[in-house]
PDB file of N, CA and C in Angstrom:
ATOM      1  N   MET A   1      95.981  70.717  83.709  1.00  0.00           N
ATOM      2  CA  MET A   1      95.225  71.050  82.557  1.00  0.00           C
ATOM      3  C   MET A   1      94.221  72.177  82.998  1.00  0.00           C
ATOM      4  N   PRO A   2      94.236  73.296  82.275  1.00  0.00           N
ATOM      5  CA  PRO A   2      93.340  74.386  82.581  1.00  0.00           C
ATOM      6  C   PRO A   2      91.868  73.962  82.403  1.00  0.00           C
ATOM      7  N   PRO A   3      90.961  74.555  83.198  1.00  0.00           N
ATOM      8  CA  PRO A   3      89.571  74.216  83.049  1.00  0.00           C
ATOM      9  C   PRO A   3      89.062  74.602  81.703  1.00  0.00           C
ATOM     10  N   GLU A   4      88.114  73.820  81.142  1.00  0.00           N
ATOM     11  CA  GLU A   4      87.593  74.119  79.849  1.00  0.00           C
ATOM     12  C   GLU A   4      86.688  75.367  79.910  1.00  0.00           C
ATOM     13  N   LYS A   5      86.824  76.202  78.876  1.00  0.00           N
ATOM     14  CA  LYS A   5      86.014  77.385  78.840  1.00  0.00           C
ATOM     15  C   LYS A   5      84.641  77.081  78.284  1.00  0.00           C
ATOM     16  N   GLN A   6      83.639  77.730  78.837  1.00  0.00           N
ATOM     17  CA  GLN A   6      82.259  77.550  78.369  1.00  0.00           C
ATOM     18  C   GLN A   6      81.649  78.895  78.051  1.00  0.00           C
ATOM     19  N   PRO A   7      80.724  78.888  77.055  1.00  0.00           N
ATOM     20  CA  PRO A   7      80.098  80.131  76.673  1.00  0.00           C
ATOM     21  C   PRO A   7      79.119  80.623  77.743  1.00  0.00           C
ATOM     22  N   VAL A   8      79.086  81.909  77.980  1.00  0.00           N
ATOM     23  CA  VAL A   8      78.138  82.534  78.893  1.00  0.00           C
ATOM     24  C   VAL A   8      77.540  83.752  78.182  1.00  0.00           C
ATOM     25  N   ARG A   9      76.217  83.792  78.106  1.00  0.00           N
ATOM     26  CA  ARG A   9      75.529  84.913  77.441  1.00  0.00           C
ATOM     27  C   ARG A   9      75.191  85.955  78.435  1.00  0.00           C
ATOM     28  N   ILE A  10      75.569  87.202  78.139  1.00  0.00           N
ATOM     29  CA  ILE A  10      75.282  88.354  79.008  1.00  0.00           C
ATOM     30  C   ILE A  10      74.697  89.496  78.151  1.00  0.00           C
ATOM     31  N   THR A  11      74.082  90.461  78.811  1.00  0.00           N
ATOM     32  CA  THR A  11      73.587  91.661  78.146  1.00  0.00           C
ATOM     33  C   THR A  11      74.074  92.875  78.925  1.00  0.00           C
ATOM     34  N   ILE A  12      74.712  93.776  78.188  1.00  0.00           N
ATOM     35  CA  ILE A  12      75.211  95.042  78.790  1.00  0.00           C
ATOM     36  C   ILE A  12      74.761  96.166  77.897  1.00  0.00           C
ATOM     37  N   LEU A  13      74.039  97.086  78.511  1.00  0.00           N
ATOM     38  CA  LEU A  13      73.534  98.265  77.805  1.00  0.00           C
ATOM     39  C   LEU A  13      72.765  97.930  76.527  1.00  0.00           C
ATOM     40  N   GLY A  14      71.981  96.866  76.658  1.00  0.00           N
ATOM     41  CA  GLY A  14      71.100  96.432  75.605  1.00  0.00           C
ATOM     42  C   GLY A  14      71.780  95.609  74.522  1.00  0.00           C
ATOM     43  N   GLN A  15      73.050  95.376  74.657  1.00  0.00           N
ATOM     44  CA  GLN A  15      73.817  94.588  73.689  1.00  0.00           C
ATOM     45  C   GLN A  15      74.088  93.212  74.261  1.00  0.00           C
ATOM     46  N   GLU A  16      73.850  92.195  73.472  1.00  0.00           N
ATOM     47  CA  GLU A  16      74.113  90.833  73.921  1.00  0.00           C
ATOM     48  C   GLU A  16      75.520  90.423  73.502  1.00  0.00           C
ATOM     49  N   TYR A  17      76.171  89.679  74.423  1.00  0.00           N
ATOM     50  CA  TYR A  17      77.519  89.161  74.179  1.00  0.00           C
ATOM     51  C   TYR A  17      77.573  87.747  74.663  1.00  0.00           C
ATOM     52  N   THR A  18      78.440  86.950  73.985  1.00  0.00           N
ATOM     53  CA  THR A  18      78.743  85.646  74.449  1.00  0.00           C
ATOM     54  C   THR A  18      80.213  85.613  74.790  1.00  0.00           C
ATOM     55  N   LEU A  19      80.505  85.330  76.074  1.00  0.00           N
ATOM     56  CA  LEU A  19      81.862  85.304  76.541  1.00  0.00           C
ATOM     57  C   LEU A  19      82.275  83.840  76.786  1.00  0.00           C
ATOM     58  N   LEU A  20      83.523  83.539  76.628  1.00  0.00           N
ATOM     59  CA  LEU A  20      84.041  82.261  77.022  1.00  0.00           C
ATOM     60  C   LEU A  20      84.700  82.393  78.365  1.00  0.00           C
ATOM     61  N   SER A  21      84.300  81.560  79.296  1.00  0.00           N
ATOM     62  CA  SER A  21      84.838  81.753  80.649  1.00  0.00           C
ATOM     63  C   SER A  21      85.139  80.362  81.209  1.00  0.00           C
ATOM     64  N   SER A  22      86.267  80.279  81.887  1.00  0.00           N
ATOM     65  CA  SER A  22      86.631  79.035  82.645  1.00  0.00           C
ATOM     66  C   SER A  22      86.157  79.140  84.059  1.00  0.00           C
ATOM     67  N   GLY A  23      85.647  80.266  84.468  1.00  0.00           N
ATOM     68  CA  GLY A  23      85.128  80.481  85.806  1.00  0.00           C
ATOM     69  C   GLY A  23      83.662  80.110  85.901  1.00  0.00           C
ATOM     70  N   SER A  24      83.070  80.497  87.018  1.00  0.00           N
ATOM     71  CA  SER A  24      81.648  80.230  87.294  1.00  0.00           C
ATOM     72  C   SER A  24      80.794  81.109  86.331  1.00  0.00           C
ATOM     73  N   PRO A  25      79.880  80.477  85.546  1.00  0.00           N
ATOM     74  CA  PRO A  25      78.982  81.300  84.733  1.00  0.00           C
ATOM     75  C   PRO A  25      78.170  82.282  85.570  1.00  0.00           C
ATOM     76  N   ARG A  26      77.765  81.810  86.750  1.00  0.00           N
ATOM     77  CA  ARG A  26      76.952  82.712  87.648  1.00  0.00           C
ATOM     78  C   ARG A  26      77.746  83.949  87.996  1.00  0.00           C
ATOM     79  N   GLU A  27      79.059  83.807  88.294  1.00  0.00           N
ATOM     80  CA  GLU A  27      79.868  84.990  88.633  1.00  0.00           C
ATOM     81  C   GLU A  27      79.998  85.933  87.456  1.00  0.00           C
ATOM     82  N   VAL A  28      80.169  85.380  86.236  1.00  0.00           N
ATOM     83  CA  VAL A  28      80.260  86.224  85.027  1.00  0.00           C
ATOM     84  C   VAL A  28      78.973  86.980  84.834  1.00  0.00           C
ATOM     85  N   ILE A  29      77.868  86.304  85.027  1.00  0.00           N
ATOM     86  CA  ILE A  29      76.545  86.961  84.854  1.00  0.00           C
ATOM     87  C   ILE A  29      76.357  88.025  85.911  1.00  0.00           C
ATOM     88  N   GLU A  30      76.758  87.787  87.152  1.00  0.00           N
ATOM     89  CA  GLU A  30      76.597  88.760  88.221  1.00  0.00           C
ATOM     90  C   GLU A  30      77.546  89.990  87.953  1.00  0.00           C
ATOM     91  N   LEU A  31      78.734  89.733  87.494  1.00  0.00           N
ATOM     92  CA  LEU A  31      79.635  90.864  87.176  1.00  0.00           C
ATOM     93  C   LEU A  31      79.087  91.673  86.026  1.00  0.00           C
ATOM     94  N   ALA A  32      78.538  90.982  84.996  1.00  0.00           N
ATOM     95  CA  ALA A  32      77.961  91.690  83.853  1.00  0.00           C
ATOM     96  C   ALA A  32      76.763  92.522  84.324  1.00  0.00           C
ATOM     97  N   GLN A  33      75.995  92.015  85.233  1.00  0.00           N
ATOM     98  CA  GLN A  33      74.890  92.797  85.760  1.00  0.00           C
ATOM     99  C   GLN A  33      75.314  94.048  86.498  1.00  0.00           C
ATOM    100  N   GLU A  34      76.418  93.904  87.219  1.00  0.00           N
ATOM    101  CA  GLU A  34      76.981  95.098  87.920  1.00  0.00           C
ATOM    102  C   GLU A  34      77.425  96.138  86.910  1.00  0.00           C
ATOM    103  N   VAL A  35      78.122  95.699  85.867  1.00  0.00           N
ATOM    104  CA  VAL A  35      78.561  96.598  84.799  1.00  0.00           C
ATOM    105  C   VAL A  35      77.365  97.240  84.111  1.00  0.00           C
ATOM    106  N   ASP A  36      76.394  96.473  83.794  1.00  0.00           N
ATOM    107  CA  ASP A  36      75.170  96.970  83.114  1.00  0.00           C
ATOM    108  C   ASP A  36      74.460  97.992  84.003  1.00  0.00           C
ATOM    109  N   ASP A  37      74.363  97.697  85.300  1.00  0.00           N
ATOM    110  CA  ASP A  37      73.722  98.642  86.221  1.00  0.00           C
ATOM    111  C   ASP A  37      74.477  99.975  86.232  1.00  0.00           C
ATOM    112  N   LEU A  38      75.831  99.876  86.336  1.00  0.00           N
ATOM    113  CA  LEU A  38      76.607 101.108  86.363  1.00  0.00           C
ATOM    114  C   LEU A  38      76.460 101.905  85.075  1.00  0.00           C
ATOM    115  N   MET A  39      76.535 101.212  83.959  1.00  0.00           N
ATOM    116  CA  MET A  39      76.453 101.905  82.675  1.00  0.00           C
ATOM    117  C   MET A  39      75.042 102.512  82.451  1.00  0.00           C
ATOM    118  N   LEU A  40      73.974 101.786  82.864  1.00  0.00           N
ATOM    119  CA  LEU A  40      72.659 102.359  82.759  1.00  0.00           C
ATOM    120  C   LEU A  40      72.492 103.599  83.663  1.00  0.00           C
ATOM    121  N   SER A  41      73.097 103.571  84.837  1.00  0.00           N
ATOM    122  CA  SER A  41      73.093 104.700  85.735  1.00  0.00           C
ATOM    123  C   SER A  41      73.728 105.935  85.067  1.00  0.00           C
ATOM    124  N   ILE A  42      74.914 105.695  84.499  1.00  0.00           N
ATOM    125  CA  ILE A  42      75.610 106.754  83.831  1.00  0.00           C
ATOM    126  C   ILE A  42      74.823 107.283  82.630  1.00  0.00           C
ATOM    127  N   ALA A  43      74.239 106.365  81.838  1.00  0.00           N
ATOM    128  CA  ALA A  43      73.447 106.746  80.669  1.00  0.00           C
ATOM    129  C   ALA A  43      72.234 107.567  81.022  1.00  0.00           C
ATOM    130  N   ARG A  44      71.642 107.271  82.200  1.00  0.00           N
ATOM    131  CA  ARG A  44      70.464 108.063  82.672  1.00  0.00           C
ATOM    132  C   ARG A  44      70.882 109.492  83.035  1.00  0.00           C
ATOM    133  N   ARG A  45      72.102 109.639  83.578  1.00  0.00           N
ATOM    134  CA  ARG A  45      72.568 110.965  83.986  1.00  0.00           C
ATOM    135  C   ARG A  45      73.108 111.740  82.795  1.00  0.00           C
ATOM    136  N   GLN A  46      73.521 111.039  81.757  1.00  0.00           N
ATOM    137  CA  GLN A  46      74.017 111.704  80.556  1.00  0.00           C
ATOM    138  C   GLN A  46      73.295 111.170  79.332  1.00  0.00           C
ATOM    139  N   PRO A  47      72.029 111.529  79.154  1.00  0.00           N
ATOM    140  CA  PRO A  47      71.222 110.921  78.118  1.00  0.00           C
ATOM    141  C   PRO A  47      71.693 111.148  76.708  1.00  0.00           C
ATOM    142  N   ASN A  48      72.535 112.146  76.474  1.00  0.00           N
ATOM    143  CA  ASN A  48      73.070 112.396  75.109  1.00  0.00           C
ATOM    144  C   ASN A  48      74.366 111.680  74.807  1.00  0.00           C
ATOM    145  N   ALA A  49      74.898 110.981  75.802  1.00  0.00           N
ATOM    146  CA  ALA A  49      76.206 110.288  75.655  1.00  0.00           C
ATOM    147  C   ALA A  49      76.013 109.036  74.842  1.00  0.00           C
ATOM    148  N   ASP A  50      76.929 108.796  73.919  1.00  0.00           N
ATOM    149  CA  ASP A  50      76.847 107.518  73.155  1.00  0.00           C
ATOM    150  C   ASP A  50      77.427 106.385  74.048  1.00  0.00           C
ATOM    151  N   SER A  51      77.243 105.164  73.532  1.00  0.00           N
ATOM    152  CA  SER A  51      77.652 104.001  74.382  1.00  0.00           C
ATOM    153  C   SER A  51      79.177 103.990  74.656  1.00  0.00           C
ATOM    154  N   THR A  52      79.959 104.450  73.718  1.00  0.00           N
ATOM    155  CA  THR A  52      81.416 104.474  73.934  1.00  0.00           C
ATOM    156  C   THR A  52      81.760 105.403  75.121  1.00  0.00           C
ATOM    157  N   ARG A  53      81.147 106.545  75.129  1.00  0.00           N
ATOM    158  CA  ARG A  53      81.394 107.530  76.233  1.00  0.00           C
ATOM    159  C   ARG A  53      80.954 106.913  77.573  1.00  0.00           C
ATOM    160  N   VAL A  54      79.783 106.279  77.560  1.00  0.00           N
ATOM    161  CA  VAL A  54      79.262 105.647  78.758  1.00  0.00           C
ATOM    162  C   VAL A  54      80.242 104.556  79.246  1.00  0.00           C
ATOM    163  N   ALA A  55      80.735 103.777  78.288  1.00  0.00           N
ATOM    164  CA  ALA A  55      81.676 102.714  78.627  1.00  0.00           C
ATOM    165  C   ALA A  55      82.970 103.280  79.226  1.00  0.00           C
ATOM    166  N   VAL A  56      83.479 104.356  78.600  1.00  0.00           N
ATOM    167  CA  VAL A  56      84.736 105.005  79.133  1.00  0.00           C
ATOM    168  C   VAL A  56      84.490 105.524  80.507  1.00  0.00           C
ATOM    169  N   LEU A  57      83.365 106.179  80.753  1.00  0.00           N
ATOM    170  CA  LEU A  57      83.074 106.676  82.118  1.00  0.00           C
ATOM    171  C   LEU A  57      82.923 105.591  83.095  1.00  0.00           C
ATOM    172  N   ALA A  58      82.321 104.454  82.692  1.00  0.00           N
ATOM    173  CA  ALA A  58      82.160 103.317  83.590  1.00  0.00           C
ATOM    174  C   ALA A  58      83.543 102.729  83.893  1.00  0.00           C
ATOM    175  N   CYS A  59      84.439 102.641  82.933  1.00  0.00           N
ATOM    176  CA  CYS A  59      85.760 102.144  83.149  1.00  0.00           C
ATOM    177  C   CYS A  59      86.519 102.994  84.117  1.00  0.00           C
ATOM    178  N   LEU A  60      86.437 104.341  83.969  1.00  0.00           N
ATOM    179  CA  LEU A  60      87.086 105.254  84.890  1.00  0.00           C
ATOM    180  C   LEU A  60      86.493 105.069  86.303  1.00  0.00           C
ATOM    181  N   HIS A  61      85.234 104.932  86.427  1.00  0.00           N
ATOM    182  CA  HIS A  61      84.609 104.728  87.747  1.00  0.00           C
ATOM    183  C   HIS A  61      85.171 103.439  88.358  1.00  0.00           C
ATOM    184  N   LEU A  62      85.206 102.355  87.625  1.00  0.00           N
ATOM    185  CA  LEU A  62      85.706 101.069  88.154  1.00  0.00           C
ATOM    186  C   LEU A  62      87.180 101.164  88.457  1.00  0.00           C
ATOM    187  N   ALA A  63      87.974 101.859  87.646  1.00  0.00           N
ATOM    188  CA  ALA A  63      89.390 102.052  87.903  1.00  0.00           C
ATOM    189  C   ALA A  63      89.616 102.831  89.182  1.00  0.00           C
ATOM    190  N   ASP A  64      88.740 103.814  89.465  1.00  0.00           N
ATOM    191  CA  ASP A  64      88.862 104.598  90.694  1.00  0.00           C
ATOM    192  C   ASP A  64      88.533 103.692  91.846  1.00  0.00           C
ATOM    193  N   ARG A  65      87.509 102.856  91.774  1.00  0.00           N
ATOM    194  CA  ARG A  65      87.167 101.931  92.838  1.00  0.00           C
ATOM    195  C   ARG A  65      88.305 100.984  93.126  1.00  0.00           C
ATOM    196  N   LEU A  66      88.939 100.472  92.061  1.00  0.00           N
ATOM    197  CA  LEU A  66      90.065  99.503  92.200  1.00  0.00           C
ATOM    198  C   LEU A  66      91.217 100.215  92.861  1.00  0.00           C
ATOM    199  N   HIS A  67      91.508 101.452  92.451  1.00  0.00           N
ATOM    200  CA  HIS A  67      92.653 102.228  93.022  1.00  0.00           C
ATOM    201  C   HIS A  67      92.410 102.467  94.523  1.00  0.00           C
ATOM    202  N   THR A  68      91.197 102.839  94.870  1.00  0.00           N
ATOM    203  CA  THR A  68      90.831 103.082  96.258  1.00  0.00           C
ATOM    204  C   THR A  68      91.025 101.793  97.096  1.00  0.00           C
ATOM    205  N   LEU A  69      90.573 100.650  96.546  1.00  0.00           N
ATOM    206  CA  LEU A  69      90.677  99.389  97.224  1.00  0.00           C
ATOM    207  C   LEU A  69      92.150  98.981  97.433  1.00  0.00           C
ATOM    208  N   LYS A  70      92.973  99.207  96.388  1.00  0.00           N
ATOM    209  CA  LYS A  70      94.422  98.916  96.490  1.00  0.00           C
ATOM    210  C   LYS A  70      95.053  99.790  97.571  1.00  0.00           C
ATOM    211  N   GLN A  71      94.709 101.079  97.637  1.00  0.00           N
ATOM    212  CA  GLN A  71      95.257 101.941  98.699  1.00  0.00           C
ATOM    213  C   GLN A  71      94.848 101.413 100.036  1.00  0.00           C
ATOM    214  N   HIS A  72      93.622 100.992 100.234  1.00  0.00           N
ATOM    215  CA  HIS A  72      93.125 100.469 101.475  1.00  0.00           C
ATOM    216  C   HIS A  72      93.877  99.213 101.869  1.00  0.00           C
ATOM    217  N   VAL A  73      94.088  98.312 100.942  1.00  0.00           N
ATOM    218  CA  VAL A  73      94.815  97.085 101.212  1.00  0.00           C
ATOM    219  C   VAL A  73      96.258  97.421 101.571  1.00  0.00           C
ATOM    220  N   ASP A  74      96.888  98.333 100.879  1.00  0.00           N
ATOM    221  CA  ASP A  74      98.273  98.717 101.189  1.00  0.00           C
ATOM    222  C   ASP A  74      98.359  99.304 102.606  1.00  0.00           C
ATOM    223  N   ARG A  75      97.410 100.123 102.992  1.00  0.00           N
ATOM    224  CA  ARG A  75      97.414 100.726 104.389  1.00  0.00           C
ATOM    225  C   ARG A  75      97.237  99.607 105.429  1.00  0.00           C
ATOM    226  N   LYS A  76      96.328  98.678 105.148  1.00  0.00           N
ATOM    227  CA  LYS A  76      96.108  97.629 106.109  1.00  0.00           C
ATOM    228  C   LYS A  76      97.320  96.743 106.188  1.00  0.00           C
ATOM    229  N   SER A  77      97.964  96.468 105.098  1.00  0.00           N
ATOM    230  CA  SER A  77      99.188  95.628 105.094  1.00  0.00           C
ATOM    231  C   SER A  77     100.286  96.294 105.912  1.00  0.00           C
ATOM    232  N   GLU A  78     100.433  97.592 105.772  1.00  0.00           N
ATOM    233  CA  GLU A  78     101.406  98.360 106.560  1.00  0.00           C
ATOM    234  C   GLU A  78     101.096  98.288 108.038  1.00  0.00           C
ATOM    235  N   GLU A  79      99.779  98.463 108.380  1.00  0.00           N
ATOM    236  CA  GLU A  79      99.361  98.363 109.774  1.00  0.00           C
ATOM    237  C   GLU A  79      99.670  97.008 110.369  1.00  0.00           C
ATOM    238  N   PHE A  80      99.370  95.970 109.608  1.00  0.00           N
ATOM    239  CA  PHE A  80      99.586  94.582 110.105  1.00  0.00           C
ATOM    240  C   PHE A  80     101.069  94.296 110.246  1.00  0.00           C
ATOM    241  N   ALA A  81     101.877  94.811 109.320  1.00  0.00           N
ATOM    242  CA  ALA A  81     103.310  94.583 109.416  1.00  0.00           C
ATOM    243  C   ALA A  81     103.870  95.320 110.609  1.00  0.00           C
ATOM    244  N   SER A  82     103.357  96.499 110.900  1.00  0.00           N
ATOM    245  CA  SER A  82     103.822  97.274 112.060  1.00  0.00           C
ATOM    246  C   SER A  82     103.446  96.529 113.355  1.00  0.00           C
ATOM    247  N   LEU A  83     102.198  96.033 113.406  1.00  0.00           N
ATOM    248  CA  LEU A  83     101.763  95.297 114.584  1.00  0.00           C
ATOM    249  C   LEU A  83     102.585  94.054 114.786  1.00  0.00           C
ATOM    250  N   LEU A  84     102.848  93.349 113.679  1.00  0.00           N
ATOM    251  CA  LEU A  84     103.622  92.093 113.731  1.00  0.00           C
ATOM    252  C   LEU A  84     105.036  92.431 114.266  1.00  0.00           C
ATOM    253  N   GLY A  85     105.598  93.530 113.747  1.00  0.00           N
ATOM    254  CA  GLY A  85     106.959  93.915 114.169  1.00  0.00           C
ATOM    255  C   GLY A  85     106.978  94.222 115.672  1.00  0.00           C
ATOM    256  N   LYS A  86     105.948  94.869 116.201  1.00  0.00           N
ATOM    257  CA  LYS A  86     105.899  95.130 117.626  1.00  0.00           C
ATOM    258  C   LYS A  86     105.735  93.868 118.422  1.00  0.00           C
ATOM    259  N   VAL A  87     104.953  92.940 117.955  1.00  0.00           N
ATOM    260  CA  VAL A  87     104.765  91.692 118.667  1.00  0.00           C
ATOM    261  C   VAL A  87     106.086  90.880 118.701  1.00  0.00           C
ATOM    262  N   LEU A  88     106.777  90.872 117.572  1.00  0.00           N
ATOM    263  CA  LEU A  88     108.058  90.125 117.509  1.00  0.00           C
ATOM    264  C   LEU A  88     109.138  90.767 118.367  1.00  0.00           C
ATOM    265  N   GLU A  89     109.041  92.098 118.629  1.00  0.00           N
ATOM    266  CA  GLU A  89     110.009  92.771 119.432  1.00  0.00           C
ATOM    267  C   GLU A  89     109.878  92.436 120.891  1.00  0.00           C
ATOM    268  N   GLU A  90     108.653  92.014 121.287  1.00  0.00           N
ATOM    269  CA  GLU A  90     108.418  91.742 122.728  1.00  0.00           C
ATOM    270  C   GLU A  90     109.008  90.501 123.183  1.00  0.00           C
TER     271      GLU A  90
END
């Protein structure tokens, strides 16, 4: 049986939201704070940008971070596979 979802209140860019989460409320709040910090940083650098533009720029920034992390994991996986192959050959 999946864990029961519970409401978690967060604020991002001055807007309050209530999310339903089956995870840790603390983690949801911490993630929301990271998103809020990022969006506020973008909004300070582009004071004329509306919230939609700020959100799109934040999404692109996070997508870039995720892509970089995936590339790093792929490289490490290849390195470990190569090392394992060398060990098994011995």
